[in-house]
PDB file of N, CA and C in Angstrom:
ATOM      1  N   PHE A   1     -11.012  -8.118 -11.504  1.00  0.00           N
ATOM      2  CA  PHE A   1      -9.977  -7.384 -10.334  1.00  0.00           C
ATOM      3  C   PHE A   1      -8.941  -6.469 -11.192  1.00  0.00           C
ATOM      4  N   LYS A   2      -8.592  -7.107 -12.394  1.00  0.00           N
ATOM      5  CA  LYS A   2      -7.645  -6.137 -13.151  1.00  0.00           C
ATOM      6  C   LYS A   2      -8.118  -4.833 -13.463  1.00  0.00           C
ATOM      7  N   GLN A   3      -9.353  -4.538 -13.828  1.00  0.00           N
ATOM      8  CA  GLN A   3      -9.894  -3.294 -14.283  1.00  0.00           C
ATOM      9  C   GLN A   3      -9.819  -2.294 -12.933  1.00  0.00           C
ATOM     10  N   ILE A   4     -10.345  -3.041 -11.655  1.00  0.00           N
ATOM     11  CA  ILE A   4     -10.174  -2.102 -10.849  1.00  0.00           C
ATOM     12  C   ILE A   4      -8.746  -1.694 -10.240  1.00  0.00           C
ATOM     13  N   PHE A   5      -7.844  -2.612 -10.477  1.00  0.00           N
ATOM     14  CA  PHE A   5      -6.656  -2.430  -9.958  1.00  0.00           C
ATOM     15  C   PHE A   5      -5.772  -1.295 -10.919  1.00  0.00           C
ATOM     16  N   GLN A   6      -6.300  -1.204 -12.071  1.00  0.00           N
ATOM     17  CA  GLN A   6      -5.707  -0.329 -13.152  1.00  0.00           C
ATOM     18  C   GLN A   6      -6.338   0.950 -13.033  1.00  0.00           C
ATOM     19  N   SER A   7      -7.633   0.927 -12.865  1.00  0.00           N
ATOM     20  CA  SER A   7      -8.361   2.098 -13.210  1.00  0.00           C
ATOM     21  C   SER A   7      -8.798   2.681 -11.578  1.00  0.00           C
ATOM     22  N   GLY A   8      -8.892   2.065 -10.541  1.00  0.00           N
ATOM     23  CA  GLY A   8      -9.459   2.537  -9.260  1.00  0.00           C
ATOM     24  C   GLY A   8     -10.869   2.303  -9.094  1.00  0.00           C
ATOM     25  N   ILE A   9     -11.417   3.087  -7.969  1.00  0.00           N
ATOM     26  CA  ILE A   9     -12.857   2.872  -7.693  1.00  0.00           C
ATOM     27  C   ILE A   9     -13.386   4.318  -7.378  1.00  0.00           C
ATOM     28  N   ASP A  10     -14.537   4.467  -7.729  1.00  0.00           N
ATOM     29  CA  ASP A  10     -15.523   5.768  -7.683  1.00  0.00           C
ATOM     30  C   ASP A  10     -16.243   5.389  -6.481  1.00  0.00           C
ATOM     31  N   PHE A  11     -16.198   6.097  -5.469  1.00  0.00           N
ATOM     32  CA  PHE A  11     -17.202   5.783  -4.187  1.00  0.00           C
ATOM     33  C   PHE A  11     -17.274   7.285  -3.498  1.00  0.00           C
ATOM     34  N   ALA A  12     -18.462   7.742  -3.318  1.00  0.00           N
ATOM     35  CA  ALA A  12     -18.944   8.783  -2.586  1.00  0.00           C
ATOM     36  C   ALA A  12     -18.483  10.241  -3.168  1.00  0.00           C
ATOM     37  N   GLY A  13     -18.299  10.087  -4.591  1.00  0.00           N
ATOM     38  CA  GLY A  13     -17.744  11.466  -5.220  1.00  0.00           C
ATOM     39  C   GLY A  13     -16.330  11.554  -5.360  1.00  0.00           C
ATOM     40  N   ASN A  14     -15.708  10.428  -4.898  1.00  0.00           N
ATOM     41  CA  ASN A  14     -14.289  10.447  -5.074  1.00  0.00           C
ATOM     42  C   ASN A  14     -13.669   9.419  -5.576  1.00  0.00           C
ATOM     43  N   HIS A  15     -12.452   9.585  -6.282  1.00  0.00           N
ATOM     44  CA  HIS A  15     -11.837   8.372  -6.806  1.00  0.00           C
ATOM     45  C   HIS A  15     -10.605   7.733  -6.065  1.00  0.00           C
ATOM     46  N   TYR A  16     -10.425   6.500  -5.996  1.00  0.00           N
ATOM     47  CA  TYR A  16      -9.675   5.856  -5.254  1.00  0.00           C
ATOM     48  C   TYR A  16      -8.723   4.948  -6.291  1.00  0.00           C
ATOM     49  N   HIS A  17      -7.566   5.054  -5.922  1.00  0.00           N
ATOM     50  CA  HIS A  17      -6.342   4.247  -6.390  1.00  0.00           C
ATOM     51  C   HIS A  17      -5.991   3.167  -5.703  1.00  0.00           C
ATOM     52  N   LEU A  18      -5.582   1.903  -6.203  1.00  0.00           N
ATOM     53  CA  LEU A  18      -4.819   0.796  -5.358  1.00  0.00           C
ATOM     54  C   LEU A  18      -3.280   1.609  -4.828  1.00  0.00           C
ATOM     55  N   PHE A  19      -3.104   1.298  -3.678  1.00  0.00           N
ATOM     56  CA  PHE A  19      -1.851   1.805  -3.151  1.00  0.00           C
ATOM     57  C   PHE A  19      -0.880   0.708  -2.658  1.00  0.00           C
ATOM     58  N   GLY A  20      -1.636  -0.450  -2.318  1.00  0.00           N
ATOM     59  CA  GLY A  20      -0.537  -1.420  -1.849  1.00  0.00           C
ATOM     60  C   GLY A  20      -1.332  -2.448  -0.999  1.00  0.00           C
ATOM     61  N   ALA A  21      -0.719  -3.627  -0.648  1.00  0.00           N
ATOM     62  CA  ALA A  21      -1.261  -4.526   0.458  1.00  0.00           C
ATOM     63  C   ALA A  21      -0.035  -5.590   0.800  1.00  0.00           C
ATOM     64  N   SER A  22      -0.198  -5.971   2.164  1.00  0.00           N
ATOM     65  CA  SER A  22       0.937  -6.805   2.830  1.00  0.00           C
ATOM     66  C   SER A  22       0.633  -8.228   1.910  1.00  0.00           C
ATOM     67  N   ASN A  23       1.494  -8.988   2.413  1.00  0.00           N
ATOM     68  CA  ASN A  23       1.423 -10.368   2.107  1.00  0.00           C
ATOM     69  C   ASN A  23       0.161 -10.880   2.367  1.00  0.00           C
ATOM     70  N   SER A  24      -0.263 -10.933   3.577  1.00  0.00           N
ATOM     71  CA  SER A  24      -1.373 -11.492   4.217  1.00  0.00           C
ATOM     72  C   SER A  24      -2.382 -10.919   3.806  1.00  0.00           C
ATOM     73  N   GLN A  25      -2.504  -9.655   3.301  1.00  0.00           N
ATOM     74  CA  GLN A  25      -3.586  -8.950   2.750  1.00  0.00           C
ATOM     75  C   GLN A  25      -3.989  -9.434   1.270  1.00  0.00           C
ATOM     76  N   LEU A  26      -2.784  -9.636   0.498  1.00  0.00           N
ATOM     77  CA  LEU A  26      -2.910 -10.153  -0.731  1.00  0.00           C
ATOM     78  C   LEU A  26      -3.631 -11.546  -0.571  1.00  0.00           C
ATOM     79  N   LYS A  27      -3.351 -12.397   0.352  1.00  0.00           N
ATOM     80  CA  LYS A  27      -3.981 -13.885   0.572  1.00  0.00           C
ATOM     81  C   LYS A  27      -5.552 -13.770   0.742  1.00  0.00           C
ATOM     82  N   ASP A  28      -5.773 -12.432   1.423  1.00  0.00           N
ATOM     83  CA  ASP A  28      -7.201 -12.339   1.923  1.00  0.00           C
ATOM     84  C   ASP A  28      -7.909 -11.625   0.865  1.00  0.00           C
ATOM     85  N   HIS A  29      -7.312 -11.235  -0.242  1.00  0.00           N
ATOM     86  CA  HIS A  29      -7.920 -10.223  -1.280  1.00  0.00           C
ATOM     87  C   HIS A  29      -8.454  -8.951  -0.486  1.00  0.00           C
ATOM     88  N   SER A  30      -7.431  -8.376   0.229  1.00  0.00           N
ATOM     89  CA  SER A  30      -7.898  -7.168   1.004  1.00  0.00           C
ATOM     90  C   SER A  30      -6.650  -6.124   0.525  1.00  0.00           C
ATOM     91  N   PHE A  31      -7.159  -4.696   0.177  1.00  0.00           N
ATOM     92  CA  PHE A  31      -5.916  -3.956  -0.285  1.00  0.00           C
ATOM     93  C   PHE A  31      -6.352  -2.657   0.180  1.00  0.00           C
ATOM     94  N   TRP A  32      -5.440  -1.754  -0.106  1.00  0.00           N
ATOM     95  CA  TRP A  32      -5.485  -0.336   0.388  1.00  0.00           C
ATOM     96  C   TRP A  32      -5.728   0.349  -0.798  1.00  0.00           C
ATOM     97  N   PHE A  33      -6.672   1.217  -0.871  1.00  0.00           N
ATOM     98  CA  PHE A  33      -6.869   2.173  -1.841  1.00  0.00           C
ATOM     99  C   PHE A  33      -6.849   3.711  -1.098  1.00  0.00           C
ATOM    100  N   ILE A  34      -6.396   4.612  -1.888  1.00  0.00           N
ATOM    101  CA  ILE A  34      -6.343   5.928  -1.380  1.00  0.00           C
ATOM    102  C   ILE A  34      -6.861   6.905  -2.484  1.00  0.00           C
ATOM    103  N   LYS A  35      -7.158   7.969  -1.936  1.00  0.00           N
ATOM    104  CA  LYS A  35      -7.969   9.102  -2.692  1.00  0.00           C
ATOM    105  C   LYS A  35      -6.823   9.795  -3.551  1.00  0.00           C
ATOM    106  N   ALA A  36      -6.908   9.769  -4.915  1.00  0.00           N
ATOM    107  CA  ALA A  36      -5.918  10.334  -5.475  1.00  0.00           C
ATOM    108  C   ALA A  36      -6.343  10.754  -6.960  1.00  0.00           C
ATOM    109  N   LEU A  37      -6.049  11.867  -7.583  1.00  0.00           N
ATOM    110  CA  LEU A  37      -6.403  12.436  -8.839  1.00  0.00           C
ATOM    111  C   LEU A  37      -5.899  11.618  -9.959  1.00  0.00           C
ATOM    112  N   SER A  38      -4.521  11.038  -9.592  1.00  0.00           N
ATOM    113  CA  SER A  38      -3.928  10.204 -10.888  1.00  0.00           C
ATOM    114  C   SER A  38      -3.029   9.175 -10.479  1.00  0.00           C
ATOM    115  N   LEU A  39      -2.595   8.419 -11.235  1.00  0.00           N
ATOM    116  CA  LEU A  39      -1.724   7.362 -10.859  1.00  0.00           C
ATOM    117  C   LEU A  39      -0.340   8.016 -10.529  1.00  0.00           C
ATOM    118  N   ASN A  40      -0.025   8.985 -11.195  1.00  0.00           N
ATOM    119  CA  ASN A  40       1.233   9.583 -10.998  1.00  0.00           C
ATOM    120  C   ASN A  40       1.374  10.197  -9.436  1.00  0.00           C
ATOM    121  N   GLU A  41       0.112  10.685  -8.818  1.00  0.00           N
ATOM    122  CA  GLU A  41      -0.229  11.108  -7.674  1.00  0.00           C
ATOM    123  C   GLU A  41       0.443   9.567  -6.701  1.00  0.00           C
ATOM    124  N   ILE A  42      -0.271   8.741  -6.915  1.00  0.00           N
ATOM    125  CA  ILE A  42      -0.310   7.310  -6.338  1.00  0.00           C
ATOM    126  C   ILE A  42       1.521   7.165  -6.342  1.00  0.00           C
ATOM    127  N   HIS A  43       2.106   7.501  -7.641  1.00  0.00           N
ATOM    128  CA  HIS A  43       3.390   6.866  -7.702  1.00  0.00           C
ATOM    129  C   HIS A  43       4.266   7.980  -6.654  1.00  0.00           C
ATOM    130  N   GLN A  44       4.004   9.171  -6.655  1.00  0.00           N
ATOM    131  CA  GLN A  44       4.691  10.320  -5.705  1.00  0.00           C
ATOM    132  C   GLN A  44       4.273   9.701  -4.243  1.00  0.00           C
ATOM    133  N   LYS A  45       3.187   9.254  -3.899  1.00  0.00           N
ATOM    134  CA  LYS A  45       2.905   8.826  -2.627  1.00  0.00           C
ATOM    135  C   LYS A  45       3.760   7.752  -2.297  1.00  0.00           C
ATOM    136  N   ARG A  46       3.819   6.882  -3.080  1.00  0.00           N
ATOM    137  CA  ARG A  46       4.632   5.630  -2.835  1.00  0.00           C
ATOM    138  C   ARG A  46       6.459   5.856  -2.906  1.00  0.00           C
ATOM    139  N   GLN A  47       6.793   6.806  -3.338  1.00  0.00           N
ATOM    140  CA  GLN A  47       7.976   7.372  -3.298  1.00  0.00           C
ATOM    141  C   GLN A  47       8.518   7.989  -1.898  1.00  0.00           C
ATOM    142  N   LEU A  48       7.243   8.313  -1.144  1.00  0.00           N
ATOM    143  CA  LEU A  48       7.525   8.753   0.276  1.00  0.00           C
ATOM    144  C   LEU A  48       7.924   7.567   0.990  1.00  0.00           C
ATOM    145  N   LEU A  49       7.398   6.405   0.617  1.00  0.00           N
ATOM    146  CA  LEU A  49       7.849   5.186   1.513  1.00  0.00           C
ATOM    147  C   LEU A  49       9.194   4.572   1.125  1.00  0.00           C
ATOM    148  N   GLY A  50       9.543   4.800   0.070  1.00  0.00           N
ATOM    149  CA  GLY A  50      10.996   4.177  -0.348  1.00  0.00           C
ATOM    150  C   GLY A  50      11.179   4.421  -1.815  1.00  0.00           C
ATOM    151  N   GLN A  51      12.497   3.996  -2.129  1.00  0.00           N
ATOM    152  CA  GLN A  51      12.901   4.036  -3.628  1.00  0.00           C
ATOM    153  C   GLN A  51      12.755   2.808  -4.167  1.00  0.00           C
ATOM    154  N   PHE A  52      11.618   2.614  -4.822  1.00  0.00           N
ATOM    155  CA  PHE A  52      11.366   1.287  -5.531  1.00  0.00           C
ATOM    156  C   PHE A  52      11.652   1.341  -7.205  1.00  0.00           C
ATOM    157  N   ASP A  53      12.033   2.529  -7.498  1.00  0.00           N
ATOM    158  CA  ASP A  53      11.993   2.728  -9.033  1.00  0.00           C
ATOM    159  C   ASP A  53      13.024   1.490  -9.793  1.00  0.00           C
ATOM    160  N   LYS A  54      14.110   1.097  -8.914  1.00  0.00           N
ATOM    161  CA  LYS A  54      14.998   0.262  -9.580  1.00  0.00           C
ATOM    162  C   LYS A  54      14.495  -1.099  -9.561  1.00  0.00           C
ATOM    163  N   ILE A  55      13.595  -1.448  -8.893  1.00  0.00           N
ATOM    164  CA  ILE A  55      13.107  -2.810  -8.783  1.00  0.00           C
ATOM    165  C   ILE A  55      12.172  -3.170 -10.049  1.00  0.00           C
ATOM    166  N   LEU A  56      12.764  -4.028 -10.846  1.00  0.00           N
ATOM    167  CA  LEU A  56      12.332  -4.281 -12.132  1.00  0.00           C
ATOM    168  C   LEU A  56      11.287  -5.520 -11.979  1.00  0.00           C
ATOM    169  N   ASN A  57      11.385  -6.565 -10.927  1.00  0.00           N
ATOM    170  CA  ASN A  57      10.578  -7.587 -10.938  1.00  0.00           C
ATOM    171  C   ASN A  57       9.175  -7.295 -10.261  1.00  0.00           C
ATOM    172  N   ILE A  58       8.154  -7.357 -10.750  1.00  0.00           N
ATOM    173  CA  ILE A  58       6.674  -7.215 -10.122  1.00  0.00           C
ATOM    174  C   ILE A  58       6.596  -7.755  -8.644  1.00  0.00           C
ATOM    175  N   GLY A  59       6.913  -9.069  -8.643  1.00  0.00           N
ATOM    176  CA  GLY A  59       6.662  -9.747  -7.405  1.00  0.00           C
ATOM    177  C   GLY A  59       7.595  -8.970  -6.433  1.00  0.00           C
ATOM    178  N   THR A  60       8.679  -8.755  -6.613  1.00  0.00           N
ATOM    179  CA  THR A  60       9.626  -8.183  -5.770  1.00  0.00           C
ATOM    180  C   THR A  60       9.164  -6.804  -5.186  1.00  0.00           C
ATOM    181  N   TYR A  61       8.724  -5.997  -6.127  1.00  0.00           N
ATOM    182  CA  TYR A  61       8.209  -4.583  -5.929  1.00  0.00           C
ATOM    183  C   TYR A  61       6.961  -4.694  -4.926  1.00  0.00           C
ATOM    184  N   VAL A  62       6.325  -5.548  -5.211  1.00  0.00           N
ATOM    185  CA  VAL A  62       4.811  -5.693  -4.486  1.00  0.00           C
ATOM    186  C   VAL A  62       5.279  -6.134  -2.940  1.00  0.00           C
ATOM    187  N   ALA A  63       6.238  -7.384  -2.703  1.00  0.00           N
ATOM    188  CA  ALA A  63       6.820  -7.400  -1.551  1.00  0.00           C
ATOM    189  C   ALA A  63       7.294  -6.334  -0.834  1.00  0.00           C
ATOM    190  N   ARG A  64       8.104  -5.671  -1.562  1.00  0.00           N
ATOM    191  CA  ARG A  64       8.768  -4.739  -0.672  1.00  0.00           C
ATOM    192  C   ARG A  64       7.805  -3.516  -0.341  1.00  0.00           C
ATOM    193  N   LEU A  65       7.015  -3.115  -1.243  1.00  0.00           N
ATOM    194  CA  LEU A  65       5.917  -2.136  -0.930  1.00  0.00           C
ATOM    195  C   LEU A  65       4.917  -2.721   0.073  1.00  0.00           C
ATOM    196  N   GLY A  66       4.815  -4.015   0.225  1.00  0.00           N
ATOM    197  CA  GLY A  66       3.970  -4.761   0.967  1.00  0.00           C
ATOM    198  C   GLY A  66       4.206  -4.774   2.567  1.00  0.00           C
ATOM    199  N   LEU A  67       5.751  -4.666   2.629  1.00  0.00           N
ATOM    200  CA  LEU A  67       6.142  -4.463   4.015  1.00  0.00           C
ATOM    201  C   LEU A  67       5.626  -2.997   4.954  1.00  0.00           C
ATOM    202  N   TRP A  68       4.996  -2.142   4.250  1.00  0.00           N
ATOM    203  CA  TRP A  68       4.639  -0.982   4.915  1.00  0.00           C
ATOM    204  C   TRP A  68       3.320  -1.401   5.335  1.00  0.00           C
ATOM    205  N   PHE A  69       2.495  -2.210   4.808  1.00  0.00           N
ATOM    206  CA  PHE A  69       1.197  -2.525   5.175  1.00  0.00           C
ATOM    207  C   PHE A  69       1.084  -3.796   6.037  1.00  0.00           C
ATOM    208  N   SER A  70       2.294  -4.268   6.658  1.00  0.00           N
ATOM    209  CA  SER A  70       2.363  -5.539   7.481  1.00  0.00           C
ATOM    210  C   SER A  70       1.643  -5.166   8.797  1.00  0.00           C
ATOM    211  N   LYS A  71       0.945  -6.023   9.334  1.00  0.00           N
ATOM    212  CA  LYS A  71       0.206  -5.964  10.608  1.00  0.00           C
ATOM    213  C   LYS A  71       1.057  -5.945  11.889  1.00  0.00           C
ATOM    214  N   THR A  72       0.931  -5.000  12.799  1.00  0.00           N
ATOM    215  CA  THR A  72       1.524  -4.977  13.853  1.00  0.00           C
ATOM    216  C   THR A  72       0.562  -5.143  15.097  1.00  0.00           C
ATOM    217  N   ASP A  73       1.017  -5.598  16.107  1.00  0.00           N
ATOM    218  CA  ASP A  73       0.234  -5.977  17.281  1.00  0.00           C
ATOM    219  C   ASP A  73       0.728  -4.960  18.628  1.00  0.00           C
ATOM    220  N   PRO A  74      -0.207  -4.424  19.392  1.00  0.00           N
ATOM    221  CA  PRO A  74       0.173  -3.734  20.420  1.00  0.00           C
ATOM    222  C   PRO A  74       0.828  -4.443  21.575  1.00  0.00           C
ATOM    223  N   THR A  75       1.782  -4.146  22.249  1.00  0.00           N
ATOM    224  CA  THR A  75       2.405  -4.775  23.234  1.00  0.00           C
ATOM    225  C   THR A  75       2.212  -4.275  24.763  1.00  0.00           C
ATOM    226  N   ASP A  76       2.346  -4.811  25.878  1.00  0.00           N
ATOM    227  CA  ASP A  76       2.513  -4.090  27.200  1.00  0.00           C
ATOM    228  C   ASP A  76       3.908  -4.013  27.651  1.00  0.00           C
ATOM    229  N   VAL A  77       4.588  -3.187  26.834  1.00  0.00           N
ATOM    230  CA  VAL A  77       6.019  -3.107  27.168  1.00  0.00           C
ATOM    231  C   VAL A  77       6.134  -1.779  27.916  1.00  0.00           C
ATOM    232  N   SER A  78       6.695  -1.769  29.048  1.00  0.00           N
ATOM    233  CA  SER A  78       6.765  -0.480  29.876  1.00  0.00           C
ATOM    234  C   SER A  78       8.036   0.044  29.823  1.00  0.00           C
ATOM    235  N   THR A  79       8.332   1.274  29.944  1.00  0.00           N
ATOM    236  CA  THR A  79      10.007   1.760  30.170  1.00  0.00           C
ATOM    237  C   THR A  79       9.946   2.363  31.546  1.00  0.00           C
ATOM    238  N   TYR A  80      11.143   2.279  31.951  1.00  0.00           N
ATOM    239  CA  TYR A  80      11.061   2.736  33.416  1.00  0.00           C
ATOM    240  C   TYR A  80      12.336   3.969  33.356  1.00  0.00           C
ATOM    241  N   SER A  81      12.261   5.104  33.850  1.00  0.00           N
ATOM    242  CA  SER A  81      13.075   6.153  34.055  1.00  0.00           C
ATOM    243  C   SER A  81      14.122   5.907  35.222  1.00  0.00           C
ATOM    244  N   GLU A  82      15.395   6.373  35.089  1.00  0.00           N
ATOM    245  CA  GLU A  82      16.104   6.580  35.863  1.00  0.00           C
ATOM    246  C   GLU A  82      15.980   7.671  36.951  1.00  0.00           C
TER     247      GLU A  82
END
């Protein structure tokens, strides 16, 4: 897996880099890869999600980034207008 995480995946003429995963996705070995030309482009896209540059611990970094990939379930909540 290390090589795939570092270098990305080639598929259908496109190159994809690891973008992130939620905590539960990590346990299921499920990850988000996005089409990008370079790791610098991936870094720029991650910066759109928040300022993670000052996080030096890799575990903390992965956990904070992973919050963006957490699963959500739809609900049947209705709103009423007055």
